[in-house]
Amino acid sequence: MRPHRRHAVALETVSVTVPEQALEAFEAALLTACGTVGFFLDEEKWLWTVEGVKDQGADEAALEGALALAALVSGVTVPLVRHATESEGWLARTYAGFPEQLVGRRFAIRGTHLTEAGAPGRIAIVLDAGIAFGSGEHGSTRGCLRALELMAHRRPRRILDLGTGSGVLAMAAARLLHRKVTASDIDPWSVRTARNNAVLNGLAGMLHCVRADGWSSPSIRRPGPYDLIFANILARPLCLLAQQTAHNLAPGGTLILAGLLRTQANWVLAAHRRQGLRLERRINEAQWTTLTLRRP
C-alpha cells in the first residue's frame, strides 16, 4: 500500500490484474491518480491484482496516459476495472485491517485509532492507518525493521531513509539508535506525511524530511556518506540507483534494500555486488525479500 493523501468524500476503486513482470509498471501507473495502491497475489494463477483508491473522476487523463505507458513498457495490455467505494465503509475496513503490528523483538506499529494499551517493552511507532504505506503489515516494511534490529549494535551515526513514505523506518531508526535521520521521498505528500508522523511520535527534532528525486538533490548528498541507508522502493529503481547509492555509503556502512519480490532479489543483489557491496543477510517475509549489504 502506498501513501493515501486524504480522506475523500466520493471514492472509487480501480484495479488491474497482471503477471509479475508487469507489476511495477502498473503500480506506478495507478499511483499517478490513486492515493492508496496495494497489490495482492493469486498464488494459484500467479497473477497480481494491483488496486488503487481514488476520488471519483479525478486525474482521469493522467491515469489513462500512465496505463498506456505501463502497457507499452511491460508489453501487457489489461482492462481497468472500477467500482464505487463508500468513504466511510472503506475507512472502517482500513481500521479493522490494521491492528497493532508486532515486528521482530523490538517494534510495535500502532494506528491512531487504537485506544487500548500496546504491547509492553516495545518501541511503539504510531501511524494513521489511512494515510501511509509502511504501516507494518507489508513484508518489505517488516523485513527492514527486522534488518535494523540485527545491525543496531553497529551504532551508525549518519542515516538516510531513501523513499521514506510514511517515515516509519526513519522513525524506528531514530528511536532505536537515538540518532537524527534524513528522510527523503520524491512524492511531496509522502514528505508531508513523514513530517506529520514525526510530530505525532515526538520525533520532529530527529527527522529531517526533504523532497528529493533519488540522489539528484544536494540536500541528500551533502550529509553523506552515510553509515546506514534504507532504500525500500522497487526493484527496478533500486538497480538504477545502485552506483550512486554505493558511492554515498561510507566504508563499513550498511545498506538495507527492500520493496522487491523474492524472484527479483538476485537481480537487485547482482546490481549492487557490481558496485563492490557484499551481501550480509537476506530476510524473507511472505513474497518479499529484504537484503542487507555492507561496503567493505
C-alpha atoms as a PDB file:
ATOM      1  CA  MET A   1       0.000   0.000   0.000  1.00  0.00           C
ATOM      2  CA  ARG A   2       1.311   3.423  -0.988  1.00  0.00           C
ATOM      3  CA  PRO A   3       0.504   6.770   0.644  1.00  0.00           C
ATOM      4  CA  HIS A   4      -3.112   7.868   0.983  1.00  0.00           C
ATOM      5  CA  ARG A   5      -3.266  11.654   0.693  1.00  0.00           C
ATOM      6  CA  ARG A   6      -6.580  12.446   2.328  1.00  0.00           C
ATOM      7  CA  HIS A   7      -9.990  11.003   3.110  1.00  0.00           C
ATOM      8  CA  ALA A   8     -12.165  11.565   0.041  1.00  0.00           C
ATOM      9  CA  VAL A   9     -15.940  12.111   0.090  1.00  0.00           C
ATOM     10  CA  ALA A  10     -16.688  10.091  -3.071  1.00  0.00           C
ATOM     11  CA  LEU A  11     -14.235   7.297  -3.762  1.00  0.00           C
ATOM     12  CA  GLU A  12     -13.790   4.627  -6.379  1.00  0.00           C
ATOM     13  CA  THR A  13     -11.563   1.568  -6.522  1.00  0.00           C
ATOM     14  CA  VAL A  14      -9.706   0.839  -9.755  1.00  0.00           C
ATOM     15  CA  SER A  15      -7.752  -2.332 -10.406  1.00  0.00           C
ATOM     16  CA  VAL A  16      -5.857  -4.360 -12.987  1.00  0.00           C
ATOM     17  CA  THR A  17      -4.727  -7.991 -12.907  1.00  0.00           C
ATOM     18  CA  VAL A  18      -1.281  -8.554 -14.382  1.00  0.00           C
ATOM     19  CA  PRO A  19       1.591 -11.070 -14.475  1.00  0.00           C
ATOM     20  CA  GLU A  20       4.551 -10.473 -12.185  1.00  0.00           C
ATOM     21  CA  GLN A  21       6.751  -8.815 -14.807  1.00  0.00           C
ATOM     22  CA  ALA A  22       4.163  -6.050 -15.246  1.00  0.00           C
ATOM     23  CA  LEU A  23       3.558  -5.418 -11.536  1.00  0.00           C
ATOM     24  CA  GLU A  24       5.930  -2.478 -11.107  1.00  0.00           C
ATOM     25  CA  ALA A  25       4.783  -0.682 -14.248  1.00  0.00           C
ATOM     26  CA  PHE A  26       1.097  -0.865 -13.371  1.00  0.00           C
ATOM     27  CA  GLU A  27       1.669   0.001  -9.709  1.00  0.00           C
ATOM     28  CA  ALA A  28       3.444   3.166 -10.873  1.00  0.00           C
ATOM     29  CA  ALA A  29       0.574   3.872 -13.277  1.00  0.00           C
ATOM     30  CA  LEU A  30      -2.106   3.690 -10.592  1.00  0.00           C
ATOM     31  CA  LEU A  31      -0.013   5.862  -8.288  1.00  0.00           C
ATOM     32  CA  THR A  32      -0.418   8.752 -10.728  1.00  0.00           C
ATOM     33  CA  ALA A  33      -4.089   9.025  -9.756  1.00  0.00           C
ATOM     34  CA  CYS A  34      -4.624   6.976  -6.589  1.00  0.00           C
ATOM     35  CA  GLY A  35      -3.753   7.994  -3.075  1.00  0.00           C
ATOM     36  CA  THR A  36      -3.725   4.359  -1.925  1.00  0.00           C
ATOM     37  CA  VAL A  37      -2.323   1.492  -4.011  1.00  0.00           C
ATOM     38  CA  GLY A  38      -1.912  -2.122  -2.954  1.00  0.00           C
ATOM     39  CA  PHE A  39      -1.135  -5.373  -4.755  1.00  0.00           C
ATOM     40  CA  PHE A  40      -2.233  -8.913  -3.977  1.00  0.00           C
ATOM     41  CA  LEU A  41      -1.060 -12.256  -5.332  1.00  0.00           C
ATOM     42  CA  ASP A  42      -3.310 -15.068  -6.565  1.00  0.00           C
ATOM     43  CA  GLU A  43      -0.936 -17.939  -5.803  1.00  0.00           C
ATOM     44  CA  GLU A  44      -2.886 -20.447  -7.915  1.00  0.00           C
ATOM     45  CA  LYS A  45      -2.767 -18.370 -11.085  1.00  0.00           C
ATOM     46  CA  TRP A  46       0.396 -16.467 -10.083  1.00  0.00           C
ATOM     47  CA  LEU A  47      -1.223 -13.202 -11.140  1.00  0.00           C
ATOM     48  CA  TRP A  48      -1.136  -9.910  -9.249  1.00  0.00           C
ATOM     49  CA  THR A  49      -4.114  -7.642  -8.706  1.00  0.00           C
ATOM     50  CA  VAL A  50      -2.988  -4.026  -8.436  1.00  0.00           C
ATOM     51  CA  GLU A  51      -5.716  -1.986  -6.742  1.00  0.00           C
ATOM     52  CA  GLY A  52      -5.989   1.719  -6.033  1.00  0.00           C
ATOM     53  CA  VAL A  53      -8.445   4.037  -4.298  1.00  0.00           C
ATOM     54  CA  LYS A  54      -9.054   7.481  -5.798  1.00  0.00           C
ATOM     55  CA  ASP A  55     -11.531  10.338  -5.892  1.00  0.00           C
ATOM     56  CA  GLN A  56     -14.255   9.544  -8.416  1.00  0.00           C
ATOM     57  CA  GLY A  57     -13.476  11.161 -11.743  1.00  0.00           C
ATOM     58  CA  ALA A  58     -10.173  12.647 -10.589  1.00  0.00           C
ATOM     59  CA  ASP A  59      -6.963  12.590 -12.652  1.00  0.00           C
ATOM     60  CA  GLU A  60      -8.532  10.574 -15.465  1.00  0.00           C
ATOM     61  CA  ALA A  61      -6.231  11.885 -18.194  1.00  0.00           C
ATOM     62  CA  ALA A  62      -3.120  11.201 -16.118  1.00  0.00           C
ATOM     63  CA  LEU A  63      -4.346   7.703 -15.299  1.00  0.00           C
ATOM     64  CA  GLU A  64      -5.166   6.898 -18.919  1.00  0.00           C
ATOM     65  CA  GLY A  65      -1.751   8.063 -20.088  1.00  0.00           C
ATOM     66  CA  ALA A  66       0.067   6.194 -17.319  1.00  0.00           C
ATOM     67  CA  LEU A  67      -1.784   2.953 -18.083  1.00  0.00           C
ATOM     68  CA  ALA A  68      -0.904   3.275 -21.769  1.00  0.00           C
ATOM     69  CA  LEU A  69       2.751   3.777 -20.849  1.00  0.00           C
ATOM     70  CA  ALA A  70       2.668   0.781 -18.481  1.00  0.00           C
ATOM     71  CA  ALA A  71       1.250  -1.375 -21.284  1.00  0.00           C
ATOM     72  CA  LEU A  72       3.957  -0.153 -23.667  1.00  0.00           C
ATOM     73  CA  VAL A  73       6.793  -0.736 -21.203  1.00  0.00           C
ATOM     74  CA  SER A  74       5.609  -4.145 -19.959  1.00  0.00           C
ATOM     75  CA  GLY A  75       4.073  -5.489 -23.164  1.00  0.00           C
ATOM     76  CA  VAL A  76       0.924  -6.333 -21.179  1.00  0.00           C
ATOM     77  CA  THR A  77      -2.475  -4.857 -22.012  1.00  0.00           C
ATOM     78  CA  VAL A  78      -5.274  -5.434 -19.486  1.00  0.00           C
ATOM     79  CA  PRO A  79      -8.645  -3.809 -18.781  1.00  0.00           C
ATOM     80  CA  LEU A  80      -9.108  -1.372 -15.904  1.00  0.00           C
ATOM     81  CA  VAL A  81     -11.864  -2.478 -13.516  1.00  0.00           C
ATOM     82  CA  ARG A  82     -13.782   0.130 -11.499  1.00  0.00           C
ATOM     83  CA  HIS A  83     -16.313   0.083  -8.704  1.00  0.00           C
ATOM     84  CA  ALA A  84     -17.644   2.702  -6.333  1.00  0.00           C
ATOM     85  CA  THR A  85     -16.274   2.652  -2.785  1.00  0.00           C
ATOM     86  CA  GLU A  86     -18.129   4.214   0.113  1.00  0.00           C
ATOM     87  CA  SER A  87     -15.824   6.524   2.003  1.00  0.00           C
ATOM     88  CA  GLU A  88     -16.962   5.600   5.495  1.00  0.00           C
ATOM     89  CA  GLY A  89     -17.072   1.884   4.785  1.00  0.00           C
ATOM     90  CA  TRP A  90     -13.619   1.949   3.228  1.00  0.00           C
ATOM     91  CA  LEU A  91     -12.146   3.756   6.206  1.00  0.00           C
ATOM     92  CA  ALA A  92     -13.807   1.358   8.651  1.00  0.00           C
ATOM     93  CA  ARG A  93     -12.371  -1.621   6.752  1.00  0.00           C
ATOM     94  CA  THR A  94      -8.964   0.043   6.776  1.00  0.00           C
ATOM     95  CA  TYR A  95      -9.075   0.415  10.552  1.00  0.00           C
ATOM     96  CA  ALA A  96     -10.334  -3.131  11.038  1.00  0.00           C
ATOM     97  CA  GLY A  97      -7.464  -4.405   8.915  1.00  0.00           C
ATOM     98  CA  PHE A  98      -4.818  -2.511  10.888  1.00  0.00           C
ATOM     99  CA  PRO A  99      -4.467  -3.984  14.385  1.00  0.00           C
ATOM    100  CA  GLU A 100      -1.243  -3.446  16.326  1.00  0.00           C
ATOM    101  CA  GLN A 101       1.633  -4.886  14.289  1.00  0.00           C
ATOM    102  CA  LEU A 102       4.400  -6.568  16.304  1.00  0.00           C
ATOM    103  CA  VAL A 103       7.598  -6.698  14.253  1.00  0.00           C
ATOM    104  CA  GLY A 104      10.705  -8.551  15.351  1.00  0.00           C
ATOM    105  CA  ARG A 105      11.546  -8.302  19.042  1.00  0.00           C
ATOM    106  CA  ARG A 106      11.627  -4.551  19.403  1.00  0.00           C
ATOM    107  CA  PHE A 107       8.920  -2.785  17.419  1.00  0.00           C
ATOM    108  CA  ALA A 108       5.162  -2.258  17.548  1.00  0.00           C
ATOM    109  CA  ILE A 109       3.370  -0.293  14.823  1.00  0.00           C
ATOM    110  CA  ARG A 110       0.069   1.154  16.056  1.00  0.00           C
ATOM    111  CA  GLY A 111      -2.738   3.038  14.353  1.00  0.00           C
ATOM    112  CA  THR A 112      -4.043   6.256  15.824  1.00  0.00           C
ATOM    113  CA  HIS A 113      -7.472   4.598  16.054  1.00  0.00           C
ATOM    114  CA  LEU A 114      -6.255   2.110  18.685  1.00  0.00           C
ATOM    115  CA  THR A 115      -7.152   3.092  22.244  1.00  0.00           C
ATOM    116  CA  GLU A 116      -6.098   0.053  24.282  1.00  0.00           C
ATOM    117  CA  ALA A 117      -2.631  -0.270  25.794  1.00  0.00           C
ATOM    118  CA  GLY A 118       0.044  -1.545  23.474  1.00  0.00           C
ATOM    119  CA  ALA A 119       2.391  -4.492  23.853  1.00  0.00           C
ATOM    120  CA  PRO A 120       4.809  -3.821  26.726  1.00  0.00           C
ATOM    121  CA  GLY A 121       8.552  -3.482  26.263  1.00  0.00           C
ATOM    122  CA  ARG A 122       8.436  -2.459  22.604  1.00  0.00           C
ATOM    123  CA  ILE A 123       9.296   0.687  20.685  1.00  0.00           C
ATOM    124  CA  ALA A 124       5.892   1.944  19.517  1.00  0.00           C
ATOM    125  CA  ILE A 125       5.535   3.868  16.267  1.00  0.00           C
ATOM    126  CA  VAL A 126       2.096   5.468  15.811  1.00  0.00           C
ATOM    127  CA  LEU A 127       0.613   5.977  12.330  1.00  0.00           C
ATOM    128  CA  ASP A 128      -2.730   6.883  10.823  1.00  0.00           C
ATOM    129  CA  ALA A 129      -3.863   3.637   9.198  1.00  0.00           C
ATOM    130  CA  GLY A 130      -5.483   5.536   6.337  1.00  0.00           C
ATOM    131  CA  ILE A 131      -2.592   7.655   5.112  1.00  0.00           C
ATOM    132  CA  ALA A 132       0.619   5.725   4.833  1.00  0.00           C
ATOM    133  CA  PHE A 133       2.489   2.950   3.116  1.00  0.00           C
ATOM    134  CA  GLY A 134       4.753   1.401   5.712  1.00  0.00           C
ATOM    135  CA  SER A 135       2.208   0.641   8.404  1.00  0.00           C
ATOM    136  CA  GLY A 136       3.991  -2.528   9.452  1.00  0.00           C
ATOM    137  CA  GLU A 137       1.805  -5.121   7.765  1.00  0.00           C
ATOM    138  CA  HIS A 138       3.758  -5.152   4.493  1.00  0.00           C
ATOM    139  CA  GLY A 139       6.547  -7.695   4.112  1.00  0.00           C
ATOM    140  CA  SER A 140       9.049  -5.109   2.881  1.00  0.00           C
ATOM    141  CA  THR A 141       8.489  -2.842   5.899  1.00  0.00           C
ATOM    142  CA  ARG A 142       8.676  -5.755   8.322  1.00  0.00           C
ATOM    143  CA  GLY A 143      11.859  -7.024   6.690  1.00  0.00           C
ATOM    144  CA  CYS A 144      13.520  -3.614   7.008  1.00  0.00           C
ATOM    145  CA  LEU A 145      12.615  -3.342  10.688  1.00  0.00           C
ATOM    146  CA  ARG A 146      13.995  -6.819  11.367  1.00  0.00           C
ATOM    147  CA  ALA A 147      17.181  -5.943   9.465  1.00  0.00           C
ATOM    148  CA  LEU A 148      17.504  -2.742  11.514  1.00  0.00           C
ATOM    149  CA  GLU A 149      17.322  -4.718  14.753  1.00  0.00           C
ATOM    150  CA  LEU A 150      20.065  -7.068  13.615  1.00  0.00           C
ATOM    151  CA  MET A 151      22.543  -4.315  12.726  1.00  0.00           C
ATOM    152  CA  ALA A 152      21.750  -1.859  15.536  1.00  0.00           C
ATOM    153  CA  HIS A 153      24.854  -2.868  17.518  1.00  0.00           C
ATOM    154  CA  ARG A 154      26.996  -1.001  14.966  1.00  0.00           C
ATOM    155  CA  ARG A 155      25.531   2.315  16.138  1.00  0.00           C
ATOM    156  CA  PRO A 156      25.548   4.114  12.765  1.00  0.00           C
ATOM    157  CA  ARG A 157      25.751   7.897  13.043  1.00  0.00           C
ATOM    158  CA  ARG A 158      24.676   9.190   9.619  1.00  0.00           C
ATOM    159  CA  ILE A 159      21.384   7.634   8.494  1.00  0.00           C
ATOM    160  CA  LEU A 160      19.247   8.083   5.379  1.00  0.00           C
ATOM    161  CA  ASP A 161      15.801   6.687   4.603  1.00  0.00           C
ATOM    162  CA  LEU A 162      15.566   6.948   0.800  1.00  0.00           C
ATOM    163  CA  GLY A 163      11.928   6.784  -0.319  1.00  0.00           C
ATOM    164  CA  THR A 164      10.620   7.248   3.195  1.00  0.00           C
ATOM    165  CA  GLY A 165       6.854   7.005   2.519  1.00  0.00           C
ATOM    166  CA  SER A 166       5.227   7.202   5.960  1.00  0.00           C
ATOM    167  CA  GLY A 167       8.592   7.745   7.640  1.00  0.00           C
ATOM    168  CA  VAL A 168       8.202   4.557   9.668  1.00  0.00           C
ATOM    169  CA  LEU A 169      11.752   3.295   9.039  1.00  0.00           C
ATOM    170  CA  ALA A 170      13.292   6.690   9.727  1.00  0.00           C
ATOM    171  CA  MET A 171      11.325   6.969  12.973  1.00  0.00           C
ATOM    172  CA  ALA A 172      12.223   3.431  14.036  1.00  0.00           C
ATOM    173  CA  ALA A 173      15.925   4.130  13.442  1.00  0.00           C
ATOM    174  CA  ALA A 174      15.758   7.447  15.294  1.00  0.00           C
ATOM    175  CA  ARG A 175      14.028   5.852  18.264  1.00  0.00           C
ATOM    176  CA  LEU A 176      16.179   2.696  18.411  1.00  0.00           C
ATOM    177  CA  LEU A 177      19.565   4.300  17.682  1.00  0.00           C
ATOM    178  CA  HIS A 178      18.961   7.745  19.225  1.00  0.00           C
ATOM    179  CA  ARG A 179      20.237   9.377  16.056  1.00  0.00           C
ATOM    180  CA  LYS A 180      18.934  12.058  13.725  1.00  0.00           C
ATOM    181  CA  VAL A 181      17.775  10.678  10.383  1.00  0.00           C
ATOM    182  CA  THR A 182      17.415  12.237   6.933  1.00  0.00           C
ATOM    183  CA  ALA A 183      14.150  11.062   5.336  1.00  0.00           C
ATOM    184  CA  SER A 184      13.587  11.749   1.634  1.00  0.00           C
ATOM    185  CA  ASP A 185      10.905  10.984  -0.928  1.00  0.00           C
ATOM    186  CA  ILE A 186      10.121  12.064  -4.482  1.00  0.00           C
ATOM    187  CA  ASP A 187       6.435  12.488  -3.543  1.00  0.00           C
ATOM    188  CA  PRO A 188       5.703  15.759  -1.685  1.00  0.00           C
ATOM    189  CA  TRP A 189       2.679  14.172   0.006  1.00  0.00           C
ATOM    190  CA  SER A 190       4.901  11.441   1.440  1.00  0.00           C
ATOM    191  CA  VAL A 191       7.333  14.051   2.757  1.00  0.00           C
ATOM    192  CA  ARG A 192       4.436  15.867   4.397  1.00  0.00           C
ATOM    193  CA  THR A 193       3.094  12.601   5.835  1.00  0.00           C
ATOM    194  CA  ALA A 194       6.505  11.632   7.231  1.00  0.00           C
ATOM    195  CA  ARG A 195       6.909  15.081   8.776  1.00  0.00           C
ATOM    196  CA  ASN A 196       3.460  14.884  10.378  1.00  0.00           C
ATOM    197  CA  ASN A 197       4.148  11.373  11.668  1.00  0.00           C
ATOM    198  CA  ALA A 198       7.402  12.556  13.211  1.00  0.00           C
ATOM    199  CA  VAL A 199       5.461  15.222  15.127  1.00  0.00           C
ATOM    200  CA  LEU A 200       2.851  12.628  16.136  1.00  0.00           C
ATOM    201  CA  ASN A 201       5.586  10.414  17.580  1.00  0.00           C
ATOM    202  CA  GLY A 202       7.530  13.191  19.322  1.00  0.00           C
ATOM    203  CA  LEU A 203      10.393  12.908  16.828  1.00  0.00           C
ATOM    204  CA  ALA A 204      10.100  16.228  14.987  1.00  0.00           C
ATOM    205  CA  GLY A 205      13.618  17.195  16.025  1.00  0.00           C
ATOM    206  CA  MET A 206      15.059  13.826  14.970  1.00  0.00           C
ATOM    207  CA  LEU A 207      13.822  13.621  11.356  1.00  0.00           C
ATOM    208  CA  HIS A 208      14.929  15.916   8.552  1.00  0.00           C
ATOM    209  CA  CYS A 209      12.261  15.317   5.885  1.00  0.00           C
ATOM    210  CA  VAL A 210      13.090  16.515   2.364  1.00  0.00           C
ATOM    211  CA  ARG A 211      11.681  16.084  -1.127  1.00  0.00           C
ATOM    212  CA  ALA A 212      14.279  14.619  -3.472  1.00  0.00           C
ATOM    213  CA  ASP A 213      14.397  12.585  -6.662  1.00  0.00           C
ATOM    214  CA  GLY A 214      16.803   9.845  -5.694  1.00  0.00           C
ATOM    215  CA  TRP A 215      20.338  11.144  -5.306  1.00  0.00           C
ATOM    216  CA  SER A 216      19.819  14.198  -7.506  1.00  0.00           C
ATOM    217  CA  SER A 217      19.335  16.607  -4.601  1.00  0.00           C
ATOM    218  CA  PRO A 218      22.395  18.158  -2.893  1.00  0.00           C
ATOM    219  CA  SER A 219      20.394  18.138   0.351  1.00  0.00           C
ATOM    220  CA  ILE A 220      20.617  14.344   0.262  1.00  0.00           C
ATOM    221  CA  ARG A 221      24.218  14.011  -0.883  1.00  0.00           C
ATOM    222  CA  ARG A 222      25.675  16.709   1.350  1.00  0.00           C
ATOM    223  CA  PRO A 223      25.212  14.960   4.740  1.00  0.00           C
ATOM    224  CA  GLY A 224      26.817  11.760   3.397  1.00  0.00           C
ATOM    225  CA  PRO A 225      28.471   9.444   3.090  1.00  0.00           C
ATOM    226  CA  TYR A 226      26.003   7.517   5.243  1.00  0.00           C
ATOM    227  CA  ASP A 227      26.660   4.749   7.734  1.00  0.00           C
ATOM    228  CA  LEU A 228      23.156   3.345   7.191  1.00  0.00           C
ATOM    229  CA  ILE A 229      20.866   3.708   4.179  1.00  0.00           C
ATOM    230  CA  PHE A 230      17.351   2.324   3.880  1.00  0.00           C
ATOM    231  CA  ALA A 231      16.007   2.043   0.333  1.00  0.00           C
ATOM    232  CA  ASN A 232      12.550   0.469   0.433  1.00  0.00           C
ATOM    233  CA  ILE A 233      11.460   1.301  -3.095  1.00  0.00           C
ATOM    234  CA  LEU A 234      11.029  -1.125  -6.027  1.00  0.00           C
ATOM    235  CA  ALA A 235      13.427  -3.473  -7.768  1.00  0.00           C
ATOM    236  CA  ARG A 236      13.960  -1.505 -10.979  1.00  0.00           C
ATOM    237  CA  PRO A 237      14.782   1.880  -9.372  1.00  0.00           C
ATOM    238  CA  LEU A 238      16.982   0.127  -6.822  1.00  0.00           C
ATOM    239  CA  CYS A 239      19.074  -1.257  -9.682  1.00  0.00           C
ATOM    240  CA  LEU A 240      19.190   2.081 -11.482  1.00  0.00           C
ATOM    241  CA  LEU A 241      20.368   3.828  -8.305  1.00  0.00           C
ATOM    242  CA  ALA A 242      22.892   1.151  -7.288  1.00  0.00           C
ATOM    243  CA  GLN A 243      26.026   3.023  -8.376  1.00  0.00           C
ATOM    244  CA  GLN A 244      25.033   6.290  -6.692  1.00  0.00           C
ATOM    245  CA  THR A 245      23.825   4.505  -3.577  1.00  0.00           C
ATOM    246  CA  ALA A 246      27.111   2.630  -3.193  1.00  0.00           C
ATOM    247  CA  HIS A 247      29.041   5.878  -3.772  1.00  0.00           C
ATOM    248  CA  ASN A 248      27.143   7.567  -0.935  1.00  0.00           C
ATOM    249  CA  LEU A 249      27.602   4.677   1.510  1.00  0.00           C
ATOM    250  CA  ALA A 250      30.518   5.109   3.923  1.00  0.00           C
ATOM    251  CA  PRO A 251      33.224   2.426   4.196  1.00  0.00           C
ATOM    252  CA  GLY A 252      31.880  -0.196   6.580  1.00  0.00           C
ATOM    253  CA  GLY A 253      28.379   1.210   6.068  1.00  0.00           C
ATOM    254  CA  THR A 254      25.176  -0.836   5.878  1.00  0.00           C
ATOM    255  CA  LEU A 255      22.608  -0.741   3.087  1.00  0.00           C
ATOM    256  CA  ILE A 256      19.125  -2.209   3.633  1.00  0.00           C
ATOM    257  CA  LEU A 257      17.227  -2.808   0.389  1.00  0.00           C
ATOM    258  CA  ALA A 258      13.544  -3.729   0.148  1.00  0.00           C
ATOM    259  CA  GLY A 259      10.426  -3.398  -1.956  1.00  0.00           C
ATOM    260  CA  LEU A 260      11.457  -6.374  -4.069  1.00  0.00           C
ATOM    261  CA  LEU A 261       9.836  -9.721  -4.644  1.00  0.00           C
ATOM    262  CA  ARG A 262      11.771 -12.888  -3.873  1.00  0.00           C
ATOM    263  CA  THR A 263      12.047 -13.515  -7.595  1.00  0.00           C
ATOM    264  CA  GLN A 264      13.725 -10.110  -8.041  1.00  0.00           C
ATOM    265  CA  ALA A 265      16.224 -10.406  -5.183  1.00  0.00           C
ATOM    266  CA  ASN A 266      19.129 -11.893  -7.143  1.00  0.00           C
ATOM    267  CA  TRP A 267      18.747  -9.286  -9.879  1.00  0.00           C
ATOM    268  CA  VAL A 268      18.923  -6.442  -7.338  1.00  0.00           C
ATOM    269  CA  LEU A 269      21.759  -8.139  -5.468  1.00  0.00           C
ATOM    270  CA  ALA A 270      23.833  -8.512  -8.640  1.00  0.00           C
ATOM    271  CA  ALA A 271      23.489  -4.800  -9.432  1.00  0.00           C
ATOM    272  CA  HIS A 272      24.887  -3.880  -6.014  1.00  0.00           C
ATOM    273  CA  ARG A 273      27.604  -6.518  -5.978  1.00  0.00           C
ATOM    274  CA  ARG A 274      28.928  -4.928  -9.157  1.00  0.00           C
ATOM    275  CA  GLN A 275      29.459  -1.792  -7.051  1.00  0.00           C
ATOM    276  CA  GLY A 276      31.630  -3.697  -4.565  1.00  0.00           C
ATOM    277  CA  LEU A 277      28.980  -4.265  -1.881  1.00  0.00           C
ATOM    278  CA  ARG A 278      28.790  -7.587  -0.040  1.00  0.00           C
ATOM    279  CA  LEU A 279      25.667  -9.464   0.983  1.00  0.00           C
ATOM    280  CA  GLU A 280      25.367  -9.859   4.731  1.00  0.00           C
ATOM    281  CA  ARG A 281      21.807 -11.069   5.224  1.00  0.00           C
ATOM    282  CA  ARG A 282      18.651 -11.980   3.330  1.00  0.00           C
ATOM    283  CA  ILE A 283      15.284 -11.787   5.112  1.00  0.00           C
ATOM    284  CA  ASN A 284      12.119 -13.219   3.546  1.00  0.00           C
ATOM    285  CA  GLU A 285       8.630 -12.093   4.544  1.00  0.00           C
ATOM    286  CA  ALA A 286       5.912 -13.816   2.501  1.00  0.00           C
ATOM    287  CA  GLN A 287       6.683 -12.952  -1.153  1.00  0.00           C
ATOM    288  CA  TRP A 288       9.079 -10.145  -0.254  1.00  0.00           C
ATOM    289  CA  THR A 289      12.837 -10.098   0.334  1.00  0.00           C
ATOM    290  CA  THR A 290      14.969  -7.628   2.276  1.00  0.00           C
ATOM    291  CA  LEU A 291      18.696  -7.539   1.555  1.00  0.00           C
ATOM    292  CA  THR A 292      21.326  -6.235   3.983  1.00  0.00           C
ATOM    293  CA  LEU A 293      24.631  -5.348   2.317  1.00  0.00           C
ATOM    294  CA  ARG A 294      27.843  -3.757   3.550  1.00  0.00           C
ATOM    295  CA  ARG A 295      30.545  -1.720   1.935  1.00  0.00           C
ATOM    296  CA  PRO A 296      33.980  -3.144   2.820  1.00  0.00           C
END
